[in-house]
């Protein structure tokens, strides 16, 4: 059984080398401040609306660059086109009337470096609108002008545009319904990271938030090696849509066996899936198969040799 012992030592050495491997990162340099950089704050607006009433919110157009720029502001519809939630600023539906109710305090302006401009958003809700979710986007666009004001060439090389999404609910007979229709963890991966996927369906008439928690345990032992319980991922699910999501453990090693658990909470209900996940590089798998072949070949030859003797 010396051959088996040697094979075991080889496998152990490979695992040790792989486990001790480290990645050496090069020096990190802070990015230089760009000439033009557009930002908005906050990143989204949440509103509670009532038929026949006005509601007002505001946001800031910010310039974190080194040169001033001009901008325009407009309201547009907002929806999504697929389960990956690619934004759609053109398709109208019963849930996109909000854009028609919006008046902006200004539709253009100029912002200085490290400065900001406040924009008021007034929503005038008609009296006869049905209850449910309403969604829109405020599009802030950096204006591309010829010349810098002093006849010195082009001021801005490319347009920057940011969409500020507005999530609103018109009060009345609202319905919160839906479910988790898929919650998966692959059992085998040839390379990191470990990824858990899910799809959540919202069949109600208002948006709702799904929460995603990932926990990873070693196969032999109970102490967590990774968890996002303190800061779980959250995603907004629009009414009458399905949303696909991935939760990733980026720090997974190249080789290992883990117990992985994903919990998706939607509308107060937990959907839980647990799997044993094997992380094994394809080259390491090839070596294992090669060693198994060598062992089988050695055993067959030994058995044949005994028969001949």
C-alpha atoms as a PDB file:
ATOM      1  CA  UNK A   1       0.000   0.000   0.000  1.00  0.00           C
ATOM      2  CA  UNK A   2       3.042   2.271  -0.322  1.00  0.00           C
ATOM      3  CA  UNK A   3       1.691   3.631  -3.605  1.00  0.00           C
ATOM      4  CA  UNK A   4      -1.588   4.678  -1.947  1.00  0.00           C
ATOM      5  CA  UNK A   5       0.356   6.354   0.831  1.00  0.00           C
ATOM      6  CA  UNK A   6       2.430   8.314  -1.658  1.00  0.00           C
ATOM      7  CA  UNK A   7      -0.662   9.356  -3.582  1.00  0.00           C
ATOM      8  CA  UNK A   8      -2.243  10.582  -0.373  1.00  0.00           C
ATOM      9  CA  UNK A   9       0.854  12.658   0.403  1.00  0.00           C
ATOM     10  CA  UNK A  10       0.801  14.162  -3.102  1.00  0.00           C
ATOM     11  CA  UNK A  11      -2.856  15.192  -2.761  1.00  0.00           C
ATOM     12  CA  UNK A  12      -2.196  16.639   0.673  1.00  0.00           C
ATOM     13  CA  UNK A  13       0.761  18.639  -0.614  1.00  0.00           C
ATOM     14  CA  UNK A  14      -1.271  20.031  -3.521  1.00  0.00           C
ATOM     15  CA  UNK A  15      -4.060  21.126  -1.204  1.00  0.00           C
ATOM     16  CA  UNK A  16      -1.540  22.722   1.193  1.00  0.00           C
ATOM     17  CA  UNK A  17       0.184  24.656  -1.576  1.00  0.00           C
ATOM     18  CA  UNK A  18      -3.154  25.806  -2.968  1.00  0.00           C
ATOM     19  CA  UNK A  19      -4.388  26.832   0.462  1.00  0.00           C
ATOM     20  CA  UNK A  20      -1.201  28.787   1.245  1.00  0.00           C
ATOM     21  CA  UNK A  21      -1.183  30.641  -2.060  1.00  0.00           C
ATOM     22  CA  UNK A  22      -1.616  34.388  -1.798  1.00  0.00           C
ATOM     23  CA  UNK A  23      -2.289  37.154  -4.261  1.00  0.00           C
ATOM     24  CA  UNK A  24       0.178  40.001  -4.246  1.00  0.00           C
ATOM     25  CA  UNK A  25      -1.502  43.247  -5.139  1.00  0.00           C
ATOM     26  CA  UNK A  26       0.288  46.123  -6.734  1.00  0.00           C
ATOM     27  CA  UNK A  27       0.315  49.616  -5.278  1.00  0.00           C
ATOM     28  CA  UNK A  28      -3.025  51.406  -5.242  1.00  0.00           C
ATOM     29  CA  UNK A  29      -3.183  55.005  -6.307  1.00  0.00           C
ATOM     30  CA  UNK A  30      -6.076  57.340  -5.646  1.00  0.00           C
ATOM     31  CA  UNK A  31      -7.907  58.392  -8.793  1.00  0.00           C
ATOM     32  CA  UNK A  32      -7.314  61.944  -9.816  1.00  0.00           C
ATOM     33  CA  UNK A  33     -10.342  64.196  -9.550  1.00  0.00           C
ATOM     34  CA  UNK A  34     -11.900  64.444 -13.023  1.00  0.00           C
ATOM     35  CA  UNK A  35     -12.744  67.718 -14.695  1.00  0.00           C
ATOM     36  CA  UNK A  36     -16.436  66.835 -15.017  1.00  0.00           C
ATOM     37  CA  UNK A  37     -18.373  64.478 -12.768  1.00  0.00           C
ATOM     38  CA  UNK A  38     -22.118  64.590 -12.236  1.00  0.00           C
ATOM     39  CA  UNK A  39     -23.817  63.131  -9.150  1.00  0.00           C
ATOM     40  CA  UNK A  40     -27.272  63.338  -7.571  1.00  0.00           C
ATOM     41  CA  UNK A  41     -28.295  62.943  -3.946  1.00  0.00           C
ATOM     42  CA  UNK A  42     -30.227  61.043  -2.732  1.00  0.00           C
ATOM     43  CA  UNK A  43     -29.983  58.117  -5.159  1.00  0.00           C
ATOM     44  CA  UNK A  44     -33.763  57.583  -5.117  1.00  0.00           C
ATOM     45  CA  UNK A  45     -36.955  59.221  -3.864  1.00  0.00           C
ATOM     46  CA  UNK A  46     -39.759  57.485  -1.940  1.00  0.00           C
ATOM     47  CA  UNK A  47     -43.191  59.079  -1.866  1.00  0.00           C
ATOM     48  CA  UNK A  48     -46.572  58.386  -0.291  1.00  0.00           C
ATOM     49  CA  UNK A  49     -49.275  59.944  -2.447  1.00  0.00           C
ATOM     50  CA  UNK A  50     -52.988  60.644  -2.017  1.00  0.00           C
ATOM     51  CA  UNK A  51     -55.504  61.309  -4.820  1.00  0.00           C
ATOM     52  CA  UNK A  52     -56.200  65.020  -5.276  1.00  0.00           C
ATOM     53  CA  UNK A  53     -53.228  66.170  -3.187  1.00  0.00           C
ATOM     54  CA  UNK A  54     -49.795  67.642  -3.829  1.00  0.00           C
ATOM     55  CA  UNK A  55     -46.548  66.219  -2.490  1.00  0.00           C
ATOM     56  CA  UNK A  56     -43.138  67.845  -2.679  1.00  0.00           C
ATOM     57  CA  UNK A  57     -39.647  66.323  -2.528  1.00  0.00           C
ATOM     58  CA  UNK A  58     -36.224  67.641  -3.454  1.00  0.00           C
ATOM     59  CA  UNK A  59     -32.785  66.433  -4.492  1.00  0.00           C
ATOM     60  CA  UNK A  60     -29.351  67.881  -5.165  1.00  0.00           C
ATOM     61  CA  UNK A  61     -27.473  68.016  -8.462  1.00  0.00           C
ATOM     62  CA  UNK A  62     -23.805  67.809  -7.447  1.00  0.00           C
ATOM     63  CA  UNK A  63     -20.541  68.598  -9.229  1.00  0.00           C
ATOM     64  CA  UNK A  64     -17.618  66.597  -7.822  1.00  0.00           C
ATOM     65  CA  UNK A  65     -15.299  67.603 -10.665  1.00  0.00           C
ATOM     66  CA  UNK A  66     -12.915  70.528 -11.050  1.00  0.00           C
ATOM     67  CA  UNK A  67     -14.803  72.531 -13.678  1.00  0.00           C
ATOM     68  CA  UNK A  68     -18.327  73.982 -13.761  1.00  0.00           C
ATOM     69  CA  UNK A  69     -20.925  72.522 -16.085  1.00  0.00           C
ATOM     70  CA  UNK A  70     -24.483  73.120 -17.215  1.00  0.00           C
ATOM     71  CA  UNK A  71     -27.243  70.539 -16.930  1.00  0.00           C
ATOM     72  CA  UNK A  72     -30.842  69.828 -17.849  1.00  0.00           C
ATOM     73  CA  UNK A  73     -33.540  68.039 -15.829  1.00  0.00           C
ATOM     74  CA  UNK A  74     -36.640  66.201 -17.039  1.00  0.00           C
ATOM     75  CA  UNK A  75     -39.141  63.653 -15.751  1.00  0.00           C
ATOM     76  CA  UNK A  76     -39.698  60.423 -17.647  1.00  0.00           C
ATOM     77  CA  UNK A  77     -41.450  57.080 -17.161  1.00  0.00           C
ATOM     78  CA  UNK A  78     -39.611  54.260 -15.400  1.00  0.00           C
ATOM     79  CA  UNK A  79     -40.100  50.504 -15.683  1.00  0.00           C
ATOM     80  CA  UNK A  80     -37.943  47.418 -16.237  1.00  0.00           C
ATOM     81  CA  UNK A  81     -37.630  45.252 -19.332  1.00  0.00           C
ATOM     82  CA  UNK A  82     -36.693  41.802 -17.994  1.00  0.00           C
ATOM     83  CA  UNK A  83     -35.825  39.725 -14.919  1.00  0.00           C
ATOM     84  CA  UNK A  84     -32.352  41.283 -14.836  1.00  0.00           C
ATOM     85  CA  UNK A  85     -34.110  44.609 -14.245  1.00  0.00           C
ATOM     86  CA  UNK A  86     -32.621  46.546 -17.110  1.00  0.00           C
ATOM     87  CA  UNK A  87     -34.175  50.030 -16.805  1.00  0.00           C
ATOM     88  CA  UNK A  88     -36.743  51.132 -19.388  1.00  0.00           C
ATOM     89  CA  UNK A  89     -37.407  54.860 -19.715  1.00  0.00           C
ATOM     90  CA  UNK A  90     -39.793  54.644 -22.660  1.00  0.00           C
ATOM     91  CA  UNK A  91     -42.482  51.976 -22.125  1.00  0.00           C
ATOM     92  CA  UNK A  92     -45.679  53.315 -20.558  1.00  0.00           C
ATOM     93  CA  UNK A  93     -48.066  51.299 -18.390  1.00  0.00           C
ATOM     94  CA  UNK A  94     -50.615  51.725 -15.614  1.00  0.00           C
ATOM     95  CA  UNK A  95     -47.676  52.080 -13.226  1.00  0.00           C
ATOM     96  CA  UNK A  96     -45.891  54.949 -15.032  1.00  0.00           C
ATOM     97  CA  UNK A  97     -48.435  57.793 -14.876  1.00  0.00           C
ATOM     98  CA  UNK A  98     -46.345  59.463 -12.166  1.00  0.00           C
ATOM     99  CA  UNK A  99     -44.186  61.204 -14.794  1.00  0.00           C
ATOM    100  CA  UNK A 100     -47.277  63.117 -16.001  1.00  0.00           C
ATOM    101  CA  UNK A 101     -47.960  64.509 -12.509  1.00  0.00           C
ATOM    102  CA  UNK A 102     -44.486  65.966 -11.919  1.00  0.00           C
ATOM    103  CA  UNK A 103     -43.479  69.627 -12.089  1.00  0.00           C
ATOM    104  CA  UNK A 104     -39.829  70.588 -11.561  1.00  0.00           C
ATOM    105  CA  UNK A 105     -38.686  73.831  -9.924  1.00  0.00           C
ATOM    106  CA  UNK A 106     -36.198  74.226 -12.795  1.00  0.00           C
ATOM    107  CA  UNK A 107     -35.355  72.258 -15.914  1.00  0.00           C
ATOM    108  CA  UNK A 108     -31.817  73.573 -16.452  1.00  0.00           C
ATOM    109  CA  UNK A 109     -28.994  75.111 -14.499  1.00  0.00           C
ATOM    110  CA  UNK A 110     -25.282  75.369 -13.847  1.00  0.00           C
ATOM    111  CA  UNK A 111     -23.300  73.937 -10.951  1.00  0.00           C
ATOM    112  CA  UNK A 112     -19.840  75.003  -9.778  1.00  0.00           C
ATOM    113  CA  UNK A 113     -17.020  72.597  -8.786  1.00  0.00           C
ATOM    114  CA  UNK A 114     -17.711  70.995  -5.393  1.00  0.00           C
ATOM    115  CA  UNK A 115     -21.076  72.706  -5.492  1.00  0.00           C
ATOM    116  CA  UNK A 116     -24.716  71.624  -5.721  1.00  0.00           C
ATOM    117  CA  UNK A 117     -28.071  72.870  -6.948  1.00  0.00           C
ATOM    118  CA  UNK A 118     -31.347  72.009  -5.215  1.00  0.00           C
ATOM    119  CA  UNK A 119     -34.198  70.826  -7.449  1.00  0.00           C
ATOM    120  CA  UNK A 120     -37.754  70.662  -6.084  1.00  0.00           C
ATOM    121  CA  UNK A 121     -40.079  67.952  -7.402  1.00  0.00           C
ATOM    122  CA  UNK A 122     -43.800  68.753  -7.042  1.00  0.00           C
ATOM    123  CA  UNK A 123     -46.217  65.872  -7.615  1.00  0.00           C
ATOM    124  CA  UNK A 124     -49.841  66.918  -8.259  1.00  0.00           C
ATOM    125  CA  UNK A 125     -51.945  63.741  -8.068  1.00  0.00           C
ATOM    126  CA  UNK A 126     -55.304  63.715  -9.940  1.00  0.00           C
ATOM    127  CA  UNK A 127     -58.419  62.946  -7.895  1.00  0.00           C
ATOM    128  CA  UNK A 128     -59.546  59.858  -9.812  1.00  0.00           C
ATOM    129  CA  UNK A 129     -56.333  57.781  -9.929  1.00  0.00           C
ATOM    130  CA  UNK A 130     -56.433  54.148  -8.738  1.00  0.00           C
ATOM    131  CA  UNK A 131     -54.450  52.952  -5.737  1.00  0.00           C
ATOM    132  CA  UNK A 132     -51.114  51.224  -6.246  1.00  0.00           C
ATOM    133  CA  UNK A 133     -47.524  51.823  -7.226  1.00  0.00           C
ATOM    134  CA  UNK A 134     -46.396  54.622  -9.525  1.00  0.00           C
ATOM    135  CA  UNK A 135     -42.853  55.010 -10.858  1.00  0.00           C
ATOM    136  CA  UNK A 136     -40.861  57.647 -12.701  1.00  0.00           C
ATOM    137  CA  UNK A 137     -37.286  58.794 -13.191  1.00  0.00           C
ATOM    138  CA  UNK A 138     -35.766  62.246 -13.041  1.00  0.00           C
ATOM    139  CA  UNK A 139     -33.092  62.382 -15.747  1.00  0.00           C
ATOM    140  CA  UNK A 140     -30.247  64.815 -15.066  1.00  0.00           C
ATOM    141  CA  UNK A 141     -28.033  65.372 -18.109  1.00  0.00           C
ATOM    142  CA  UNK A 142     -24.741  67.222 -18.339  1.00  0.00           C
ATOM    143  CA  UNK A 143     -24.937  69.576 -21.316  1.00  0.00           C
ATOM    144  CA  UNK A 144     -22.329  69.099 -24.021  1.00  0.00           C
ATOM    145  CA  UNK A 145     -21.364  72.595 -25.156  1.00  0.00           C
ATOM    146  CA  UNK A 146     -18.943  73.743 -27.856  1.00  0.00           C
ATOM    147  CA  UNK A 147     -16.300  75.952 -26.297  1.00  0.00           C
ATOM    148  CA  UNK A 148     -15.510  76.736 -22.670  1.00  0.00           C
ATOM    149  CA  UNK A 149     -16.881  80.225 -22.705  1.00  0.00           C
ATOM    150  CA  UNK A 150     -13.537  81.766 -23.687  1.00  0.00           C
ATOM    151  CA  UNK A 151     -13.266  80.341 -27.192  1.00  0.00           C
ATOM    152  CA  UNK A 152     -10.876  77.642 -26.083  1.00  0.00           C
ATOM    153  CA  UNK A 153     -12.157  74.443 -27.721  1.00  0.00           C
ATOM    154  CA  UNK A 154     -14.658  71.896 -26.401  1.00  0.00           C
ATOM    155  CA  UNK A 155     -15.610  72.271 -22.732  1.00  0.00           C
ATOM    156  CA  UNK A 156     -17.026  68.766 -22.239  1.00  0.00           C
ATOM    157  CA  UNK A 157     -15.911  65.751 -24.211  1.00  0.00           C
ATOM    158  CA  UNK A 158     -18.849  63.461 -23.438  1.00  0.00           C
ATOM    159  CA  UNK A 159     -22.345  63.728 -21.995  1.00  0.00           C
ATOM    160  CA  UNK A 160     -23.005  62.263 -18.571  1.00  0.00           C
ATOM    161  CA  UNK A 161     -26.525  61.285 -17.567  1.00  0.00           C
ATOM    162  CA  UNK A 162     -27.987  60.012 -14.299  1.00  0.00           C
ATOM    163  CA  UNK A 163     -31.496  58.706 -13.603  1.00  0.00           C
ATOM    164  CA  UNK A 164     -32.993  59.366 -10.165  1.00  0.00           C
ATOM    165  CA  UNK A 165     -35.744  56.762  -9.660  1.00  0.00           C
ATOM    166  CA  UNK A 166     -38.946  57.736  -7.853  1.00  0.00           C
ATOM    167  CA  UNK A 167     -40.879  54.992  -6.053  1.00  0.00           C
ATOM    168  CA  UNK A 168     -44.370  56.046  -4.989  1.00  0.00           C
ATOM    169  CA  UNK A 169     -47.549  54.481  -3.648  1.00  0.00           C
ATOM    170  CA  UNK A 170     -50.997  55.998  -4.141  1.00  0.00           C
ATOM    171  CA  UNK A 171     -53.007  55.237  -1.026  1.00  0.00           C
ATOM    172  CA  UNK A 172     -56.162  53.139  -1.219  1.00  0.00           C
ATOM    173  CA  UNK A 173     -56.821  49.469  -1.958  1.00  0.00           C
ATOM    174  CA  UNK A 174     -53.227  48.284  -2.341  1.00  0.00           C
ATOM    175  CA  UNK A 175     -52.186  44.617  -2.536  1.00  0.00           C
ATOM    176  CA  UNK A 176     -48.880  43.125  -1.417  1.00  0.00           C
ATOM    177  CA  UNK A 177     -48.610  39.656  -2.935  1.00  0.00           C
ATOM    178  CA  UNK A 178     -45.851  37.524  -4.363  1.00  0.00           C
ATOM    179  CA  UNK A 179     -43.425  34.699  -3.725  1.00  0.00           C
ATOM    180  CA  UNK A 180     -39.918  33.350  -4.228  1.00  0.00           C
ATOM    181  CA  UNK A 181     -40.159  31.142  -7.333  1.00  0.00           C
ATOM    182  CA  UNK A 182     -36.498  30.066  -7.439  1.00  0.00           C
ATOM    183  CA  UNK A 183     -33.765  29.778  -4.816  1.00  0.00           C
ATOM    184  CA  UNK A 184     -30.636  27.942  -6.037  1.00  0.00           C
ATOM    185  CA  UNK A 185     -27.078  27.156  -4.976  1.00  0.00           C
ATOM    186  CA  UNK A 186     -24.906  25.173  -7.442  1.00  0.00           C
ATOM    187  CA  UNK A 187     -23.324  22.077  -5.861  1.00  0.00           C
ATOM    188  CA  UNK A 188     -20.102  22.193  -7.893  1.00  0.00           C
ATOM    189  CA  UNK A 189     -17.914  25.016  -9.218  1.00  0.00           C
ATOM    190  CA  UNK A 190     -14.581  24.819 -11.032  1.00  0.00           C
ATOM    191  CA  UNK A 191     -13.517  28.212  -9.698  1.00  0.00           C
ATOM    192  CA  UNK A 192     -14.569  30.801  -7.122  1.00  0.00           C
ATOM    193  CA  UNK A 193     -16.625  32.725  -6.239  1.00  0.00           C
ATOM    194  CA  UNK A 194     -19.550  30.918  -4.620  1.00  0.00           C
ATOM    195  CA  UNK A 195     -22.807  32.286  -6.089  1.00  0.00           C
ATOM    196  CA  UNK A 196     -26.382  31.812  -4.888  1.00  0.00           C
ATOM    197  CA  UNK A 197     -29.194  32.819  -7.262  1.00  0.00           C
ATOM    198  CA  UNK A 198     -32.900  33.500  -6.867  1.00  0.00           C
ATOM    199  CA  UNK A 199     -35.956  34.871  -8.648  1.00  0.00           C
ATOM    200  CA  UNK A 200     -38.720  36.716  -6.810  1.00  0.00           C
ATOM    201  CA  UNK A 201     -42.153  37.447  -8.290  1.00  0.00           C
ATOM    202  CA  UNK A 202     -44.344  40.369  -7.222  1.00  0.00           C
ATOM    203  CA  UNK A 203     -47.989  39.778  -8.141  1.00  0.00           C
ATOM    204  CA  UNK A 204     -49.333  42.728  -6.144  1.00  0.00           C
ATOM    205  CA  UNK A 205     -49.972  46.305  -7.246  1.00  0.00           C
ATOM    206  CA  UNK A 206     -47.251  48.002  -5.171  1.00  0.00           C
ATOM    207  CA  UNK A 207     -43.499  47.554  -4.950  1.00  0.00           C
ATOM    208  CA  UNK A 208     -41.947  45.546  -2.137  1.00  0.00           C
ATOM    209  CA  UNK A 209     -38.440  44.804  -0.894  1.00  0.00           C
ATOM    210  CA  UNK A 210     -36.737  41.396  -0.929  1.00  0.00           C
ATOM    211  CA  UNK A 211     -33.833  40.662   1.422  1.00  0.00           C
ATOM    212  CA  UNK A 212     -31.048  38.174   0.600  1.00  0.00           C
ATOM    213  CA  UNK A 213     -28.822  36.559   3.234  1.00  0.00           C
ATOM    214  CA  UNK A 214     -25.906  34.208   2.444  1.00  0.00           C
ATOM    215  CA  UNK A 215     -24.136  32.054   5.046  1.00  0.00           C
ATOM    216  CA  UNK A 216     -21.136  29.788   4.402  1.00  0.00           C
ATOM    217  CA  UNK A 217     -19.831  27.126   6.812  1.00  0.00           C
ATOM    218  CA  UNK A 218     -16.890  24.729   6.497  1.00  0.00           C
ATOM    219  CA  UNK A 219     -17.956  21.161   5.732  1.00  0.00           C
ATOM    220  CA  UNK A 220     -16.203  19.968   8.884  1.00  0.00           C
ATOM    221  CA  UNK A 221     -17.152  22.469  11.570  1.00  0.00           C
ATOM    222  CA  UNK A 222     -19.887  24.902  12.508  1.00  0.00           C
ATOM    223  CA  UNK A 223     -18.201  28.330  12.600  1.00  0.00           C
ATOM    224  CA  UNK A 224     -19.167  30.627   9.737  1.00  0.00           C
ATOM    225  CA  UNK A 225     -16.466  31.528   7.253  1.00  0.00           C
ATOM    226  CA  UNK A 226     -18.684  34.107   5.553  1.00  0.00           C
ATOM    227  CA  UNK A 227     -22.005  35.786   6.240  1.00  0.00           C
ATOM    228  CA  UNK A 228     -23.744  38.991   5.145  1.00  0.00           C
ATOM    229  CA  UNK A 229     -26.328  38.801   7.955  1.00  0.00           C
ATOM    230  CA  UNK A 230     -25.200  42.168   9.359  1.00  0.00           C
ATOM    231  CA  UNK A 231     -25.639  43.827   5.976  1.00  0.00           C
ATOM    232  CA  UNK A 232     -27.917  41.672   3.777  1.00  0.00           C
ATOM    233  CA  UNK A 233     -28.575  42.594   0.172  1.00  0.00           C
ATOM    234  CA  UNK A 234     -31.937  44.223  -0.585  1.00  0.00           C
ATOM    235  CA  UNK A 235     -33.747  44.632  -3.906  1.00  0.00           C
ATOM    236  CA  UNK A 236     -36.945  46.481  -4.786  1.00  0.00           C
ATOM    237  CA  UNK A 237     -39.418  44.347  -6.742  1.00  0.00           C
ATOM    238  CA  UNK A 238     -41.871  46.333  -8.876  1.00  0.00           C
ATOM    239  CA  UNK A 239     -45.505  45.178  -9.189  1.00  0.00           C
ATOM    240  CA  UNK A 240     -46.275  42.469 -11.754  1.00  0.00           C
ATOM    241  CA  UNK A 241     -42.583  41.718 -12.375  1.00  0.00           C
ATOM    242  CA  UNK A 242     -40.024  39.016 -11.618  1.00  0.00           C
ATOM    243  CA  UNK A 243     -36.509  39.891 -10.459  1.00  0.00           C
ATOM    244  CA  UNK A 244     -33.409  37.698 -10.724  1.00  0.00           C
ATOM    245  CA  UNK A 245     -30.615  38.222  -8.204  1.00  0.00           C
ATOM    246  CA  UNK A 246     -27.184  36.830  -7.338  1.00  0.00           C
ATOM    247  CA  UNK A 247     -25.475  36.878  -3.946  1.00  0.00           C
ATOM    248  CA  UNK A 248     -21.717  36.314  -4.209  1.00  0.00           C
ATOM    249  CA  UNK A 249     -18.993  35.288  -1.768  1.00  0.00           C
ATOM    250  CA  UNK A 250     -16.019  36.898  -3.470  1.00  0.00           C
ATOM    251  CA  UNK A 251     -13.495  35.645  -0.911  1.00  0.00           C
ATOM    252  CA  UNK A 252     -14.048  31.942  -1.590  1.00  0.00           C
ATOM    253  CA  UNK A 253     -10.823  29.895  -1.958  1.00  0.00           C
ATOM    254  CA  UNK A 254      -9.955  27.972  -5.091  1.00  0.00           C
ATOM    255  CA  UNK A 255     -10.348  24.599  -3.348  1.00  0.00           C
ATOM    256  CA  UNK A 256     -12.713  23.517  -0.594  1.00  0.00           C
ATOM    257  CA  UNK A 257     -15.966  21.947   0.530  1.00  0.00           C
ATOM    258  CA  UNK A 258     -18.570  24.171   2.179  1.00  0.00           C
ATOM    259  CA  UNK A 259     -22.116  24.120   3.490  1.00  0.00           C
ATOM    260  CA  UNK A 260     -23.923  27.094   1.955  1.00  0.00           C
ATOM    261  CA  UNK A 261     -27.281  28.545   2.990  1.00  0.00           C
ATOM    262  CA  UNK A 262     -29.277  31.271   1.260  1.00  0.00           C
ATOM    263  CA  UNK A 263     -32.349  32.879   2.853  1.00  0.00           C
ATOM    264  CA  UNK A 264     -34.612  35.064   0.727  1.00  0.00           C
ATOM    265  CA  UNK A 265     -37.182  37.063   2.674  1.00  0.00           C
ATOM    266  CA  UNK A 266     -40.116  38.528   0.760  1.00  0.00           C
ATOM    267  CA  UNK A 267     -43.296  39.958   2.275  1.00  0.00           C
ATOM    268  CA  UNK A 268     -42.362  38.610   5.697  1.00  0.00           C
ATOM    269  CA  UNK A 269     -41.759  35.015   4.566  1.00  0.00           C
ATOM    270  CA  UNK A 270     -38.408  33.214   4.460  1.00  0.00           C
ATOM    271  CA  UNK A 271     -37.458  30.894   1.629  1.00  0.00           C
ATOM    272  CA  UNK A 272     -34.370  28.859   2.577  1.00  0.00           C
ATOM    273  CA  UNK A 273     -32.123  26.584   0.538  1.00  0.00           C
ATOM    274  CA  UNK A 274     -28.986  24.743   1.734  1.00  0.00           C
ATOM    275  CA  UNK A 275     -26.375  22.870  -0.314  1.00  0.00           C
ATOM    276  CA  UNK A 276     -22.945  21.295   0.040  1.00  0.00           C
ATOM    277  CA  UNK A 277     -20.731  23.103  -2.483  1.00  0.00           C
ATOM    278  CA  UNK A 278     -17.504  21.666  -3.915  1.00  0.00           C
ATOM    279  CA  UNK A 279     -14.916  24.164  -5.161  1.00  0.00           C
ATOM    280  CA  UNK A 280     -12.375  22.330  -7.285  1.00  0.00           C
ATOM    281  CA  UNK A 281     -10.213  23.717 -10.119  1.00  0.00           C
ATOM    282  CA  UNK A 282     -10.521  21.683 -13.289  1.00  0.00           C
ATOM    283  CA  UNK A 283      -6.746  21.026 -13.358  1.00  0.00           C
ATOM    284  CA  UNK A 284      -6.909  19.620  -9.799  1.00  0.00           C
ATOM    285  CA  UNK A 285      -9.840  17.419 -10.796  1.00  0.00           C
ATOM    286  CA  UNK A 286      -7.813  16.181 -13.757  1.00  0.00           C
ATOM    287  CA  UNK A 287      -4.911  15.280 -11.426  1.00  0.00           C
ATOM    288  CA  UNK A 288      -7.245  13.365  -9.114  1.00  0.00           C
ATOM    289  CA  UNK A 289      -8.704  11.415 -12.040  1.00  0.00           C
ATOM    290  CA  UNK A 290      -5.189  10.706 -13.310  1.00  0.00           C
ATOM    291  CA  UNK A 291      -4.103   9.409  -9.908  1.00  0.00           C
ATOM    292  CA  UNK A 292      -7.209   7.229  -9.666  1.00  0.00           C
ATOM    293  CA  UNK A 293      -6.366   5.789 -13.084  1.00  0.00           C
ATOM    294  CA  UNK A 294      -2.780   5.090 -11.930  1.00  0.00           C
ATOM    295  CA  UNK A 295      -4.033   3.345  -8.766  1.00  0.00           C
ATOM    296  CA  UNK A 296      -6.525   1.211 -10.714  1.00  0.00           C
ATOM    297  CA  UNK A 297      -3.844   0.346 -13.285  1.00  0.00           C
ATOM    298  CA  UNK A 298      -1.390  -0.598 -10.512  1.00  0.00           C
ATOM    299  CA  UNK A 299      -3.984  -2.786  -8.738  1.00  0.00           C
ATOM    300  CA  UNK A 300      -4.906  -4.589 -11.976  1.00  0.00           C
ATOM    301  CA  UNK A 301      -1.255  -5.268 -12.775  1.00  0.00           C
ATOM    302  CA  UNK A 302      -0.610  -6.536  -9.273  1.00  0.00           C
ATOM    303  CA  UNK A 303      -3.609  -8.881  -9.391  1.00  0.00           C
ATOM    304  CA  UNK A 304      -2.472 -10.208 -12.768  1.00  0.00           C
ATOM    305  CA  UNK A 305       1.035 -10.713 -11.425  1.00  0.00           C
ATOM    306  CA  UNK A 306      -0.216 -12.791  -8.500  1.00  0.00           C
ATOM    307  CA  UNK A 307      -2.275 -14.973 -10.836  1.00  0.00           C
ATOM    308  CA  UNK A 308       0.736 -15.630 -13.045  1.00  0.00           C
ATOM    309  CA  UNK A 309       2.793 -16.612 -10.011  1.00  0.00           C
END
